[in-house]
Amino acid sequence: QVQLVESGGGLVQAGGSLRLSCAASGIIFSISRLGWYRQTPGKQRELVASSDISGITRYADSVKGRFTISRDNAKNTVYLQMNSLKPEDTAAYYCNVVPMGEIGYWGQGTQVTVSS
């Protein structure tokens, strides 16, 4: 059974940092595409950062230079380091894991709130 458990969200002041973690079980990370998405009420879920099997990372323009996605295949964990946070980064953040040849899986979400 696949399970994704996210942690690390919370309330932070603008300019601060948070590190999100997503630990997976039942999935082989090394052959999975990993991603972090975020969603605010009334809006579609948007891709924030992704890491493919070859290690290539991609970022939304709005977070480039501030956020960093990383993966630890041995621990089956993906991280999102968020620096220089802005109020517009406030959202529910979700990790997404897509094993090669399989459907994707979502975490339960973790709330990030950035106060001005």
Protein backbone atom coordinates (compact mmCIF):
# COMPACT_ATOMS: atom_id res chain seq x y z
CA GLN A 1 0.00 0.00 0.00
CA VAL A 2 1.34 3.39 -1.02
CA GLN A 3 1.47 6.07 1.63
CA LEU A 4 2.85 9.62 1.49
CA VAL A 5 3.24 11.56 4.72
CA GLU A 6 4.01 15.26 4.55
CA SER A 7 5.34 17.45 7.31
CA GLY A 8 7.01 20.79 7.87
CA GLY A 9 4.26 23.28 7.13
CA GLY A 10 3.35 26.08 9.46
CA LEU A 11 3.16 29.81 10.03
CA VAL A 12 6.17 31.95 9.20
CA GLN A 13 6.84 35.62 8.71
CA ALA A 14 7.68 37.02 5.30
CA GLY A 15 11.34 36.51 4.55
CA GLY A 16 11.49 33.36 6.64
CA SER A 17 12.13 29.76 5.67
CA LEU A 18 10.43 26.41 5.94
CA ARG A 19 11.40 22.93 4.89
CA LEU A 20 8.70 20.52 3.78
CA SER A 21 9.24 16.78 3.83
CA CYS A 22 7.32 13.98 2.16
CA ALA A 23 8.14 10.45 3.23
CA ALA A 24 6.85 7.62 1.10
CA SER A 25 6.30 3.94 1.63
CA GLY A 26 5.37 1.32 -0.93
CA ILE A 27 7.11 3.21 -3.74
CA ILE A 28 10.56 2.96 -5.27
CA PHE A 29 11.77 6.54 -5.26
CA SER A 30 14.71 6.02 -7.56
CA ILE A 31 12.38 5.33 -10.50
CA SER A 32 9.85 8.00 -9.65
CA ARG A 33 9.23 11.53 -10.76
CA LEU A 34 8.71 13.72 -7.71
CA GLY A 35 6.93 17.01 -7.43
CA TRP A 36 5.59 19.61 -5.06
CA TYR A 37 2.34 21.40 -5.89
CA ARG A 38 0.39 24.06 -4.10
CA GLN A 39 -3.21 25.15 -4.06
CA THR A 40 -5.18 28.07 -2.67
CA PRO A 41 -8.97 28.13 -2.29
CA GLY A 42 -10.75 28.60 -5.59
CA LYS A 43 -7.65 28.04 -7.68
CA GLN A 44 -6.21 25.10 -9.53
CA ARG A 45 -3.35 23.15 -8.05
CA GLU A 46 -0.09 24.40 -9.57
CA LEU A 47 3.30 22.81 -9.94
CA VAL A 48 5.94 24.43 -7.75
CA ALA A 49 8.94 22.18 -8.32
CA SER A 50 9.74 18.79 -9.78
CA SER A 51 12.60 16.32 -9.85
CA ASP A 52 12.69 13.67 -12.54
CA ILE A 53 14.39 10.29 -12.49
CA SER A 54 17.59 11.68 -13.99
CA GLY A 55 17.76 14.32 -11.29
CA ILE A 56 16.75 17.26 -13.47
CA THR A 57 14.81 19.80 -11.46
CA ARG A 58 12.31 22.37 -12.64
CA TYR A 59 10.67 25.27 -10.87
CA ALA A 60 7.77 27.60 -11.34
CA ASP A 61 9.00 31.06 -12.26
CA SER A 62 7.48 32.47 -9.09
CA VAL A 63 9.77 30.38 -6.85
CA LYS A 64 13.00 30.18 -8.85
CA GLY A 65 15.97 31.14 -6.74
CA ARG A 66 13.99 30.78 -3.50
CA PHE A 67 12.82 27.15 -3.39
CA THR A 68 14.87 23.99 -3.77
CA ILE A 69 13.56 20.48 -4.30
CA SER A 70 15.75 17.59 -3.28
CA ARG A 71 15.34 13.87 -2.93
CA ASP A 72 16.85 11.15 -0.77
CA ASN A 73 16.16 7.91 -2.56
CA ALA A 74 17.58 5.86 0.29
CA LYS A 75 15.06 7.38 2.70
CA ASN A 76 12.23 7.57 0.15
CA THR A 77 11.84 11.22 1.05
CA VAL A 78 11.49 14.37 -1.00
CA TYR A 79 12.08 17.81 0.44
CA LEU A 80 11.16 21.35 -0.48
CA GLN A 81 13.37 24.00 1.06
CA MET A 82 11.58 27.33 0.91
CA ASN A 83 13.53 30.50 1.58
CA SER A 84 12.63 34.17 1.37
CA LEU A 85 8.98 33.30 1.74
CA LYS A 86 6.36 35.77 0.61
CA PRO A 87 2.69 36.13 1.60
CA GLU A 88 1.74 34.95 -1.89
CA ASP A 89 3.42 31.62 -1.12
CA THR A 90 0.60 30.91 1.33
CA ALA A 91 -1.12 27.72 0.22
CA ALA A 92 -1.66 24.06 0.92
CA TYR A 93 1.38 22.19 -0.39
CA TYR A 94 1.12 18.66 -1.75
CA CYS A 95 3.80 16.20 -2.74
CA ASN A 96 3.26 14.06 -5.80
CA VAL A 97 5.09 10.86 -6.66
CA VAL A 98 4.79 9.20 -10.05
CA PRO A 99 6.58 5.86 -10.28
CA MET A 100 7.67 4.88 -13.78
CA GLY A 101 4.77 3.27 -15.60
CA GLU A 102 2.30 3.88 -12.81
CA ILE A 103 -0.31 6.42 -11.80
CA GLY A 104 0.67 9.28 -9.53
CA TYR A 105 0.10 9.45 -5.80
CA TRP A 106 -0.63 12.48 -3.66
CA GLY A 107 0.19 13.38 -0.09
CA GLN A 108 -2.47 14.70 2.26
CA GLY A 109 -1.19 18.26 2.05
CA THR A 110 0.46 20.58 4.53
CA GLN A 111 -0.52 24.20 5.08
CA VAL A 112 2.03 26.98 4.68
CA THR A 113 1.00 30.42 5.85
CA VAL A 114 3.28 33.42 5.36
CA SER A 115 2.38 36.56 7.28
CA SER A 116 3.35 40.01 6.07
